[in-house]
């Protein structure tokens, strides 16, 4: 019976104009019959087809109203049918977008009940859709934010319009899946918040790639540290051999020359002059050997410590470039292990090279300071000032070397420049332990 009624209603909905015309015709005929048999009018045929002017006018008004109502009713029905069709299409599109989304999505009400979930979410959470709907959200794909102030639903109900965070969700009670969780308000027809829509983007692959990158960087840093250590050992060996072997040979040669000069004939001035030139050449080579040996591995660094070695290197900078260097060590003697002392000294050497080549400075201030947890080296010059482009230039291998030396000990580097006011390099290296590298605090640094 109900189906028949629906069928009749469906038929009627599409024929309101016809019904209006039929009602108008029926009214015309009934009015004609009443005019003849009730009010004793003329013949029925004449009353139907040729009524009087007043009678015809009244009937036409009523019939016109029936037809107008039929047309208007049909327009309303068509408009409603069109709106329902568009709404159905929109709902179907939204449902398709929801169901076919590459991200897992679910709708949760204010009581933490799951109202809806798409297929991607069910695969991500490892549940069947029928089993998930109606359950508490924290029982399906729970995470560390559940039952806390960080819960997306709690934050949305507290007034936030959008919540986005990284969270590790738990699947099947054991498997952990890192996700980017995005939550937005789910509103009712009147605009009130009745829950949230949660979006889960699986970033397991990204996290795996990031871990591989971190591991690769760690391995590269360890390799660079190993190569630097090997190079430093080789430098020390070569410096020692140059100083001991070649230096001793030159010293012996000088002594022999002195012996020969003392025994030259007094009247042979030409031979004496050539011997003195030869002696001078030997002296120059002795100084050259000492300089090369010191540059390869300053003996001061091993014998007198870091402060003395840096002070000596500052003096070398002044001697070669004319840059006046003011050096302060606090305390006067800073005791570090050999590897850290070498790293800080090499960083200072590279900074001196940059000052000499690029800064056009006339003055530099060097401060070496020991703090409870780390040693800080700060070099400030009054040159042209390093630019942001130079700091972030991937081909600035000198700056890259400074960063890598500091990072290998878990230290940090800060490089800043002010145009025409100079450059400041600040390096902090922990006194013990390698720790985790803190990185480069320079603008544009890593």
Protein backbone atom coordinates (compact mmCIF):
# COMPACT_ATOMS: atom_id res chain seq x y z
CA UNK A 1 0.00 0.00 0.00
CA UNK A 2 2.79 2.38 0.95
CA UNK A 3 4.56 1.70 -2.33
CA UNK A 4 1.36 2.43 -4.26
CA UNK A 5 0.94 5.75 -2.45
CA UNK A 6 4.56 6.66 -3.26
CA UNK A 7 3.97 5.68 -6.89
CA UNK A 8 0.86 7.87 -7.08
CA UNK A 9 2.70 10.79 -5.48
CA UNK A 10 5.55 10.33 -7.94
CA UNK A 11 3.11 10.41 -10.87
CA UNK A 12 1.26 13.43 -9.50
CA UNK A 13 4.51 15.40 -8.94
CA UNK A 14 5.24 15.41 -12.65
CA UNK A 15 1.77 16.46 -13.85
CA UNK A 16 0.72 19.49 -11.80
CA UNK A 17 0.00 21.57 -14.93
CA UNK A 18 -2.22 18.84 -16.38
CA UNK A 19 -4.00 18.51 -13.03
CA UNK A 20 -4.53 22.28 -12.96
CA UNK A 21 -6.01 22.20 -16.46
CA UNK A 22 -8.18 19.18 -15.56
CA UNK A 23 -9.47 20.87 -12.41
CA UNK A 24 -10.21 24.00 -14.42
CA UNK A 25 -12.15 21.96 -17.01
CA UNK A 26 -13.99 20.07 -14.28
CA UNK A 27 -14.92 23.34 -12.58
CA UNK A 28 -16.19 24.74 -15.91
CA UNK A 29 -18.38 21.69 -16.49
CA UNK A 30 -19.68 21.52 -12.90
CA UNK A 31 -20.43 25.24 -12.93
CA UNK A 32 -22.36 24.75 -16.20
CA UNK A 33 -24.36 21.87 -14.71
CA UNK A 34 -25.15 23.88 -11.58
CA UNK A 35 -26.13 26.88 -13.66
CA UNK A 36 -28.64 24.76 -15.62
CA UNK A 37 -30.06 22.44 -12.99
CA UNK A 38 -29.72 24.44 -9.79
CA UNK A 39 -30.25 27.98 -11.00
CA UNK A 40 -32.59 26.94 -13.89
CA UNK A 41 -30.43 28.37 -16.59
CA UNK A 42 -30.32 27.70 -20.31
CA UNK A 43 -29.54 24.50 -22.14
CA UNK A 44 -26.54 22.51 -20.80
CA UNK A 45 -24.71 22.45 -24.15
CA UNK A 46 -25.17 26.17 -24.50
CA UNK A 47 -24.09 26.73 -20.88
CA UNK A 48 -20.91 24.74 -21.48
CA UNK A 49 -19.85 26.19 -24.82
CA UNK A 50 -21.42 29.64 -24.93
CA UNK A 51 -22.15 30.96 -21.44
CA UNK A 52 -23.08 34.54 -20.80
CA UNK A 53 -20.43 37.26 -20.48
CA UNK A 54 -20.63 37.49 -16.68
CA UNK A 55 -20.68 33.72 -16.26
CA UNK A 56 -17.80 33.21 -18.71
CA UNK A 57 -15.70 35.90 -17.01
CA UNK A 58 -16.17 34.31 -13.57
CA UNK A 59 -15.34 30.82 -14.88
CA UNK A 60 -12.23 32.04 -16.72
CA UNK A 61 -10.91 33.68 -13.54
CA UNK A 62 -11.36 30.47 -11.54
CA UNK A 63 -9.96 28.25 -14.31
CA UNK A 64 -6.99 30.62 -14.69
CA UNK A 65 -6.33 30.32 -10.97
CA UNK A 66 -6.37 26.50 -11.21
CA UNK A 67 -3.96 26.53 -14.16
CA UNK A 68 -1.70 29.14 -12.48
CA UNK A 69 -1.54 27.08 -9.30
CA UNK A 70 -0.73 24.03 -11.44
CA UNK A 71 2.10 25.86 -13.22
CA UNK A 72 3.46 27.29 -9.96
CA UNK A 73 3.20 23.92 -8.24
CA UNK A 74 5.02 22.24 -11.12
CA UNK A 75 7.77 24.90 -10.96
CA UNK A 76 8.19 24.31 -7.23
CA UNK A 77 8.36 20.56 -7.76
CA UNK A 78 10.92 20.94 -10.55
CA UNK A 79 13.02 23.36 -8.49
CA UNK A 80 12.93 21.02 -5.50
CA UNK A 81 13.75 18.02 -7.67
CA UNK A 82 16.70 19.92 -9.20
CA UNK A 83 17.94 20.93 -5.75
CA UNK A 84 17.63 17.36 -4.52
CA UNK A 85 19.52 16.10 -7.58
CA UNK A 86 22.29 18.66 -7.10
CA UNK A 87 22.44 17.84 -3.40
CA UNK A 88 22.63 14.14 -4.16
CA UNK A 89 25.41 14.76 -6.68
CA UNK A 90 27.29 16.95 -4.22
CA UNK A 91 26.92 14.36 -1.48
CA UNK A 92 28.05 11.65 -3.88
CA UNK A 93 31.08 13.73 -4.89
CA UNK A 94 31.96 14.44 -1.27
CA UNK A 95 31.51 10.79 -0.39
CA UNK A 96 33.71 9.80 -3.32
CA UNK A 97 36.39 12.32 -2.30
CA UNK A 98 36.18 11.09 1.29
CA UNK A 99 36.33 7.42 0.35
CA UNK A 100 39.05 7.71 -2.31
CA UNK A 101 41.31 10.12 -0.41
CA UNK A 102 44.96 9.08 -0.31
CA UNK A 103 44.95 10.02 3.39
CA UNK A 104 43.11 8.17 6.10
CA UNK A 105 40.08 10.17 7.26
CA UNK A 106 37.50 9.72 10.01
CA UNK A 107 34.73 11.75 11.62
CA UNK A 108 34.51 11.78 15.42
CA UNK A 109 31.68 13.27 17.50
CA UNK A 110 32.00 15.22 20.74
CA UNK A 111 31.82 12.01 22.76
CA UNK A 112 34.84 10.51 20.95
CA UNK A 113 32.62 8.12 18.96
CA UNK A 114 33.63 7.35 15.38
CA UNK A 115 30.82 8.31 13.01
CA UNK A 116 32.51 7.61 9.72
CA UNK A 117 35.82 6.38 8.28
CA UNK A 118 37.15 5.93 4.78
CA UNK A 119 38.81 2.85 3.32
CA UNK A 120 42.30 4.35 3.54
CA UNK A 121 41.88 4.90 7.27
CA UNK A 122 40.66 1.35 7.78
CA UNK A 123 43.69 -0.02 5.93
CA UNK A 124 46.00 2.29 7.87
CA UNK A 125 44.47 1.35 11.22
CA UNK A 126 44.11 -2.33 10.34
CA UNK A 127 40.37 -2.48 11.11
CA UNK A 128 37.16 -3.24 9.24
CA UNK A 129 34.86 -0.31 8.66
CA UNK A 130 31.83 -1.98 10.24
CA UNK A 131 33.85 -2.81 13.34
CA UNK A 132 35.29 0.71 13.64
CA UNK A 133 32.09 2.75 13.35
CA UNK A 134 30.62 3.48 16.77
CA UNK A 135 33.80 2.71 18.71
CA UNK A 136 35.77 5.28 20.67
CA UNK A 137 38.41 6.98 18.57
CA UNK A 138 41.12 6.32 21.18
CA UNK A 139 40.39 2.58 20.92
CA UNK A 140 40.98 2.63 17.17
CA UNK A 141 44.38 3.90 16.03
CA UNK A 142 45.39 5.43 19.33
CA UNK A 143 48.39 7.65 19.87
CA UNK A 144 50.34 9.58 22.53
CA UNK A 145 47.96 12.57 22.31
CA UNK A 146 44.93 10.56 23.45
CA UNK A 147 43.53 11.36 26.92
CA UNK A 148 45.65 14.52 27.13
CA UNK A 149 45.53 18.24 26.46
CA UNK A 150 47.06 17.63 23.04
CA UNK A 151 44.04 15.63 21.87
CA UNK A 152 42.82 17.20 18.60
CA UNK A 153 39.14 16.96 19.63
CA UNK A 154 39.86 18.63 22.97
CA UNK A 155 41.76 21.43 21.25
CA UNK A 156 39.06 21.97 18.61
CA UNK A 157 36.34 22.10 21.28
CA UNK A 158 38.52 24.60 23.17
CA UNK A 159 38.32 27.00 20.23
CA UNK A 160 41.12 26.14 17.81
CA UNK A 161 40.12 26.18 14.14
CA UNK A 162 42.82 23.81 12.91
CA UNK A 163 45.17 21.37 14.61
CA UNK A 164 48.16 19.87 12.83
CA UNK A 165 50.88 17.83 14.46
CA UNK A 166 53.13 14.81 14.07
CA UNK A 167 52.11 11.74 16.05
CA UNK A 168 53.05 8.10 16.20
CA UNK A 169 49.84 6.07 15.98
CA UNK A 170 49.55 2.47 17.14
CA UNK A 171 48.08 -0.18 14.85
CA UNK A 172 47.02 -3.64 16.03
CA UNK A 173 48.22 -2.77 19.52
CA UNK A 174 51.88 -3.01 18.52
CA UNK A 175 52.85 -1.59 15.13
CA UNK A 176 53.75 2.10 15.21
CA UNK A 177 52.97 4.31 12.22
CA UNK A 178 54.24 7.92 12.13
CA UNK A 179 51.57 10.27 10.79
CA UNK A 180 50.83 13.92 10.20
CA UNK A 181 47.49 14.43 11.95
CA UNK A 182 45.26 17.30 10.81
CA UNK A 183 41.97 18.01 12.58
CA UNK A 184 39.26 20.53 11.66
CA UNK A 185 35.81 21.21 13.15
CA UNK A 186 32.86 19.09 12.00
CA UNK A 187 29.83 21.38 12.14
CA UNK A 188 26.11 20.71 12.21
CA UNK A 189 23.41 22.37 10.04
CA UNK A 190 23.30 25.45 12.29
CA UNK A 191 27.07 25.84 12.45
CA UNK A 192 27.66 24.37 15.90
CA UNK A 193 30.66 22.08 16.37
CA UNK A 194 29.46 18.49 16.69
CA UNK A 195 32.83 16.80 16.31
CA UNK A 196 35.99 16.82 14.23
CA UNK A 197 37.26 15.54 10.91
CA UNK A 198 40.68 13.93 11.30
CA UNK A 199 43.13 13.41 8.45
CA UNK A 200 46.04 10.97 8.81
CA UNK A 201 48.94 11.15 6.35
CA UNK A 202 51.24 8.15 6.65
CA UNK A 203 54.84 9.45 6.66
CA UNK A 204 56.57 6.14 7.37
CA UNK A 205 58.45 6.33 4.07
CA UNK A 206 59.51 9.92 4.74
CA UNK A 207 60.67 9.08 8.25
CA UNK A 208 62.61 6.12 6.90
CA UNK A 209 64.26 8.36 4.31
CA UNK A 210 65.04 10.99 6.95
CA UNK A 211 66.63 8.34 9.15
CA UNK A 212 68.70 7.11 6.22
CA UNK A 213 69.80 10.69 5.53
CA UNK A 214 70.70 11.21 9.19
CA UNK A 215 72.64 7.97 9.18
CA UNK A 216 74.41 8.94 5.94
CA UNK A 217 75.31 12.35 7.35
CA UNK A 218 76.52 10.72 10.54
CA UNK A 219 78.66 8.29 8.56
CA UNK A 220 80.00 11.08 6.34
CA UNK A 221 80.83 13.16 9.41
CA UNK A 222 82.58 10.19 11.00
CA UNK A 223 84.48 9.60 7.76
CA UNK A 224 85.44 13.28 7.55
CA UNK A 225 86.55 13.19 11.18
CA UNK A 226 88.59 10.07 10.53
CA UNK A 227 90.19 11.58 7.43
CA UNK A 228 90.95 14.79 9.31
CA UNK A 229 92.51 12.80 12.13
CA UNK A 230 94.57 10.83 9.62
CA UNK A 231 95.62 14.01 7.87
CA UNK A 232 96.59 15.60 11.19
CA UNK A 233 98.67 12.56 12.10
CA UNK A 234 100.34 12.67 8.70
CA UNK A 235 101.03 16.37 9.13
CA UNK A 236 102.57 15.70 12.52
CA UNK A 237 104.72 12.91 11.10
CA UNK A 238 105.89 15.00 8.15
CA UNK A 239 106.54 18.02 10.38
CA UNK A 240 108.58 15.88 12.75
CA UNK A 241 110.60 14.33 9.93
CA UNK A 242 111.22 17.71 8.31
CA UNK A 243 112.23 19.22 11.63
CA UNK A 244 114.34 16.30 12.80
CA UNK A 245 115.81 14.88 9.62
CA UNK A 246 116.07 17.83 7.24
CA UNK A 247 116.61 20.31 10.06
CA UNK A 248 119.45 18.28 11.50
CA UNK A 249 121.02 17.86 8.06
CA UNK A 250 120.90 21.59 7.43
CA UNK A 251 122.35 22.27 10.87
CA UNK A 252 125.19 19.85 10.18
CA UNK A 253 125.74 21.48 6.78
CA UNK A 254 125.88 24.89 8.43
CA UNK A 255 128.45 23.68 10.95
CA UNK A 256 130.58 22.23 8.16
CA UNK A 257 130.38 25.49 6.23
CA UNK A 258 131.52 27.41 9.30
CA UNK A 259 134.44 25.00 9.62
CA UNK A 260 135.35 25.50 5.96
CA UNK A 261 135.03 29.30 6.16
CA UNK A 262 137.42 29.44 9.11
CA UNK A 263 140.03 27.57 7.06
CA UNK A 264 139.74 29.55 3.83
CA UNK A 265 142.82 31.51 2.70
CA UNK A 266 142.64 35.07 3.97
CA UNK A 267 143.60 36.52 0.60
CA UNK A 268 140.90 34.71 -1.42
CA UNK A 269 138.05 37.23 -1.00
CA UNK A 270 135.97 35.82 -3.87
CA UNK A 271 135.85 32.36 -2.34
CA UNK A 272 135.05 33.82 1.08
CA UNK A 273 132.17 35.83 -0.40
CA UNK A 274 130.73 32.77 -2.13
CA UNK A 275 131.02 30.77 1.09
CA UNK A 276 129.11 33.48 3.02
CA UNK A 277 126.35 33.46 0.39
CA UNK A 278 126.18 29.70 0.70
CA UNK A 279 125.97 30.02 4.48
CA UNK A 280 123.18 32.57 4.14
CA UNK A 281 121.32 30.22 1.80
CA UNK A 282 121.60 27.44 4.38
CA UNK A 283 120.24 29.80 7.07
CA UNK A 284 117.30 30.68 4.84
CA UNK A 285 116.58 26.99 4.31
CA UNK A 286 116.76 26.37 8.06
CA UNK A 287 114.14 29.11 8.61
CA UNK A 288 112.07 27.70 5.75
CA UNK A 289 112.14 24.24 7.31
CA UNK A 290 111.12 25.72 10.67
CA UNK A 291 108.24 27.65 9.07
CA UNK A 292 106.95 24.68 7.08
CA UNK A 293 107.25 22.44 10.11
CA UNK A 294 105.36 24.95 12.27
CA UNK A 295 102.60 25.35 9.70
CA UNK A 296 102.19 21.61 9.41
CA UNK A 297 102.09 21.12 13.16
CA UNK A 298 103.02 23.97 15.54
CA UNK A 299 105.27 22.67 18.27
CA UNK A 300 103.72 25.23 20.60
CA UNK A 301 100.39 23.39 20.38
CA UNK A 302 101.94 20.20 21.75
CA UNK A 303 104.44 21.78 24.12
CA UNK A 304 102.75 24.91 25.52
CA UNK A 305 99.06 24.36 24.76
CA UNK A 306 96.20 25.91 22.83
CA UNK A 307 96.42 29.48 24.14
CA UNK A 308 100.11 29.81 23.24
CA UNK A 309 99.54 28.31 19.78
CA UNK A 310 96.69 30.72 19.00
CA UNK A 311 98.73 33.68 20.25
CA UNK A 312 101.61 32.58 17.99
CA UNK A 313 99.28 32.20 15.00
CA UNK A 314 97.84 35.68 15.66
CA UNK A 315 101.40 37.01 15.63
CA UNK A 316 101.99 35.30 12.29
CA UNK A 317 98.87 37.00 10.89
CA UNK A 318 100.17 40.39 12.04
CA UNK A 319 103.62 39.73 10.64
CA UNK A 320 102.34 38.69 7.20
CA UNK A 321 99.39 41.04 6.67
CA UNK A 322 99.81 43.92 9.09
CA UNK A 323 96.47 43.15 10.79
CA UNK A 324 96.85 44.13 14.43
CA UNK A 325 95.65 41.27 16.66
CA UNK A 326 94.52 41.61 20.28
CA UNK A 327 94.41 38.22 21.99
CA UNK A 328 92.78 37.37 25.32
CA UNK A 329 92.73 33.93 26.93
CA UNK A 330 90.49 33.36 29.95
CA UNK A 331 92.03 31.61 31.84
CA UNK A 332 95.56 32.08 30.59
CA UNK A 333 96.12 28.34 30.13
CA UNK A 334 93.22 26.25 28.84
CA UNK A 335 93.75 22.51 29.08
CA UNK A 336 91.97 20.38 26.46
CA UNK A 337 92.62 17.00 24.90
CA UNK A 338 94.77 16.94 21.79
CA UNK A 339 91.95 16.43 19.28
CA UNK A 340 89.90 19.38 20.56
CA UNK A 341 92.94 21.62 20.82
CA UNK A 342 93.88 20.75 17.26
CA UNK A 343 90.32 21.36 15.98
CA UNK A 344 90.08 24.79 17.62
CA UNK A 345 93.54 25.74 16.38
CA UNK A 346 92.72 24.69 12.80
CA UNK A 347 89.46 26.64 12.96
CA UNK A 348 91.44 29.70 14.04
CA UNK A 349 93.96 29.11 11.24
CA UNK A 350 91.17 28.98 8.64
CA UNK A 351 89.63 32.15 10.07
CA UNK A 352 93.01 33.91 9.85
CA UNK A 353 93.26 32.82 6.21
CA UNK A 354 89.82 34.31 5.49
CA UNK A 355 90.78 37.57 7.22
CA UNK A 356 93.97 37.80 5.18
CA UNK A 357 92.28 37.00 1.85
CA UNK A 358 88.87 38.61 2.00
CA UNK A 359 88.27 41.06 4.84
CA UNK A 360 90.59 44.05 4.18
CA UNK A 361 90.70 44.37 7.97
CA UNK A 362 93.27 46.33 9.94
CA UNK A 363 92.42 44.95 13.36
CA UNK A 364 91.20 41.67 14.82
CA UNK A 365 90.13 40.73 18.33
CA UNK A 366 90.56 37.12 19.46
CA UNK A 367 89.00 35.82 22.66
CA UNK A 368 89.51 32.26 23.90
CA UNK A 369 87.31 31.55 26.89
CA UNK A 370 86.73 28.46 28.99
CA UNK A 371 83.19 28.03 30.32
CA UNK A 372 81.83 25.23 32.54
CA UNK A 373 80.66 23.00 29.69
CA UNK A 374 82.52 24.22 26.63
CA UNK A 375 85.33 26.34 25.23
CA UNK A 376 84.43 29.39 23.15
CA UNK A 377 86.59 30.99 20.49
CA UNK A 378 85.44 34.37 19.19
CA UNK A 379 87.21 36.23 16.38
CA UNK A 380 86.03 39.71 15.38
CA UNK A 381 87.59 41.89 12.68
CA UNK A 382 86.85 45.40 11.40
CA UNK A 383 86.88 44.49 7.71
CA UNK A 384 84.27 44.73 4.99
CA UNK A 385 81.94 42.21 6.65
CA UNK A 386 80.85 38.85 5.31
CA UNK A 387 77.55 38.77 3.41
CA UNK A 388 74.64 36.39 3.81
CA UNK A 389 75.30 35.08 0.31
CA UNK A 390 78.88 34.24 1.24
CA UNK A 391 77.80 32.52 4.46
CA UNK A 392 75.30 30.26 2.68
CA UNK A 393 77.43 29.66 -0.42
CA UNK A 394 77.86 25.86 -0.77
CA UNK A 395 81.28 26.45 -2.33
CA UNK A 396 82.63 28.26 0.74
CA UNK A 397 84.78 25.27 1.62
CA UNK A 398 86.70 27.15 4.31
CA UNK A 399 83.51 27.93 6.23
CA UNK A 400 82.30 24.39 5.58
CA UNK A 401 85.50 23.06 7.13
CA UNK A 402 85.01 25.27 10.20
CA UNK A 403 81.46 23.97 10.62
CA UNK A 404 82.40 20.33 10.16
CA UNK A 405 85.27 20.51 12.65
CA UNK A 406 82.95 21.97 15.28
CA UNK A 407 80.06 19.63 14.49
CA UNK A 408 82.28 16.56 14.83
CA UNK A 409 82.53 17.37 18.55
CA UNK A 410 78.86 18.33 18.97
CA UNK A 411 79.78 22.00 18.84
CA UNK A 412 78.16 24.98 17.22
CA UNK A 413 79.27 27.75 14.89
CA UNK A 414 77.85 31.24 14.51
CA UNK A 415 79.07 33.49 11.70
CA UNK A 416 77.70 37.00 11.28
CA UNK A 417 78.73 40.03 9.26
CA UNK A 418 77.87 43.69 9.13
CA UNK A 419 78.71 45.59 5.96
CA UNK A 420 81.79 47.77 6.46
CA UNK A 421 81.77 46.91 10.17
CA UNK A 422 83.43 43.53 10.11
CA UNK A 423 82.78 39.85 10.70
CA UNK A 424 82.39 37.80 13.86
CA UNK A 425 83.03 34.07 14.07
CA UNK A 426 81.93 32.37 17.27
CA UNK A 427 82.75 28.71 17.87
CA UNK A 428 81.73 26.67 20.89
CA UNK A 429 83.04 23.15 21.44
CA UNK A 430 82.09 20.93 24.43
CA UNK A 431 85.00 20.11 26.70
CA UNK A 432 84.18 16.41 26.78
CA UNK A 433 82.00 13.89 24.92
CA UNK A 434 81.04 14.11 21.27
CA UNK A 435 77.33 14.62 21.95
CA UNK A 436 74.82 15.44 19.27
CA UNK A 437 75.85 18.09 16.82
CA UNK A 438 74.02 21.30 17.58
CA UNK A 439 74.65 22.74 14.17
CA UNK A 440 75.30 26.05 12.56
CA UNK A 441 73.55 29.07 14.04
CA UNK A 442 74.67 31.36 11.23
CA UNK A 443 71.92 32.84 9.05
CA UNK A 444 71.57 30.36 6.24
CA UNK A 445 73.70 27.78 8.04
CA UNK A 446 72.76 24.15 8.34
